[in-house]
Amino acid sequence: MKQYILLTVCVCLFLQFASAQTTGKWDLQRCVAYALEHNISIKTQDITARLSELTYKQSKASQLPSFNFGVNTGFRFGLAENPATGVFENNNIFNTGLGLQSQVTLFNWFSEKNLVESDRITAEADKEQVKKIQNDIALNVAVAYLQILLAREQVNLAAAQVEITKAQLGDTRKRVDAGALPELNAAEIEAQLARDSSALITAIGSESQFLLQLKAILNLDAAAEFDVVTPSVDKIPVEPIAELLPEKVYASAIANLPQQRVNELRVLSAKKFAESARGRMYPSINASGSLYSNYVSFKDRPVFDQSITGYTSSGLRANVGGTYYDVERPILVNNNTVLFLIKPDPFGAQLKNNFGQNIGLSLNVPIFNGRSARTNWERAKLNIRQFELQKEQGEVQLKQDIYTAYNDAMVALEKFNADKRTVTTAEKSYDFAKKRYDLNLLSSFELITSQTNLERARYQALYSQYDYLFKIKLLEFYKGQGLKL
């Protein structure tokens, strides 16, 4: 018995200390803002959106003419053709080539244009997907926040019940000591105090668990100090149920919710991609151009003076008027006199002299390519239908969810009103039981039963109130009003 009382006192002191620590507590807006900045799912989708944006920029730039500069160098040695003389000789030759190339697609049945538009819409859809995940995270944060508020209300109810039972035990103990009541009455109330203390410990554990769950959503360290502001449930703004009719909420959701916008953009992107795939089945016209030049360096080669010393047969014959004559070739003898040196021109001069240009048009007509182009087009058309079905399914599911939420809200409201009446009746019943118990007209067991009924009714009414609050907040979320607590 003393252990239960000591535990109860410790719990009450803990609650008083926690309620006094208001500095640094997080409200819902701060929790949502932190989650949107640090949640891993949002960061992951944001990277996907950035990648889609890069893809769009790249495909947009691909419509511009390509422009490339190239340099190639080489070194030849041994028997090779001299680029300056055209004669095969043993020489070391160093050559360098410079070139500028450009190519552009003049017409391809708007395939590139439609692909760029498809990538643009995809990038926009991925940005909307980020907003959709942000909305989901915000809703999850709000749900976890409301669970904490409900758990704390349950802690307060459990703590108050412990105090009531303690007061009853003190009064009963005095009457037992005076001989007015049997010891059984005190024992029964002591057992009830133990049960109430256990319920209080369970409620505190649930509150701690919900705080940990909210930390996980916020991507906070589990060991970090964290607490939330606890507004009164009666002061949380709630829109009248008459302003949240299903058709009105559905129309607003279709216009405002990111997920519906994502589905619509996916369909548009798929249509543009199909048009791009269709264009690749038709001829395309490309233009190209290039500028080029080269430079050659080799070891200077002397050209010596030569003299004719005679003639010899070459083994060839020439037909002159029907008569064949031997063709002779001169016999040359090199002298020691160097007439001139064969050497390369300077770098700049060679680049100028060897400068050339090239322009061209090409026509590419796809005739047979293993049905790859047509298959891609047919696959793209099926993707359109797939995204259309996803969009249709999303709208049907959204409408179903809104009507379900509205029906649940109406049921929750009726249940909350009924539970409030139950609490009123249970309070009256407990007051009568308490008075009869004080007059020794009621056993402690019957008093505890009445007290338990009141406790259960209060718990149920509290749960119904928060359940109704959540259902209304869900409808407000679908309507696009955000989350306010």
Foldseek 3Di string as FASTA:
>chain_A
DVVLVVLLVVLVVVVVVVVVPPPPAAALVRLLVLLLVDPPVLVVLVVVLVVLVVVLVVLVCLQDKDKDKDKDKDWDAQFDQDPVPRDTDGWIKIKMKIKMKIKHWPDLLCLSVLLSVLSVLLSVLSVLVSVLVSLVLSLVLVVLVLQLLLLVVQLVLLSVLLVVLVVVLVVVVVCCVVVNDPPVLNVVSVVVSSVSSVSNVVSVVSSLVSVQVSCVSSVHDSPDDHHHDRDDLVPFDFDDLVVLDLVLLLVLLCVDRSVLVSLVSQLVSLVSNLSSLVSNQFKIKMKMKMKMFMFMFIDKAFDFDKDFPAKDFPPDWDQDPNDIDTDIDTDIDGDPHTPDIDGTDDPVVRRVVGIDMDMDMDMDHDDDDPCPSVVSSVVSVVSSVVSVVVSVVVSVVLSVVSVVLSVQLVVLVVQLVVLVVQLVVLVVVLVVQVVCVVVVNHGSVVNSVSSVSNSVSVSSNSVSSSSSVSSSQVSCVSSPVRGTD
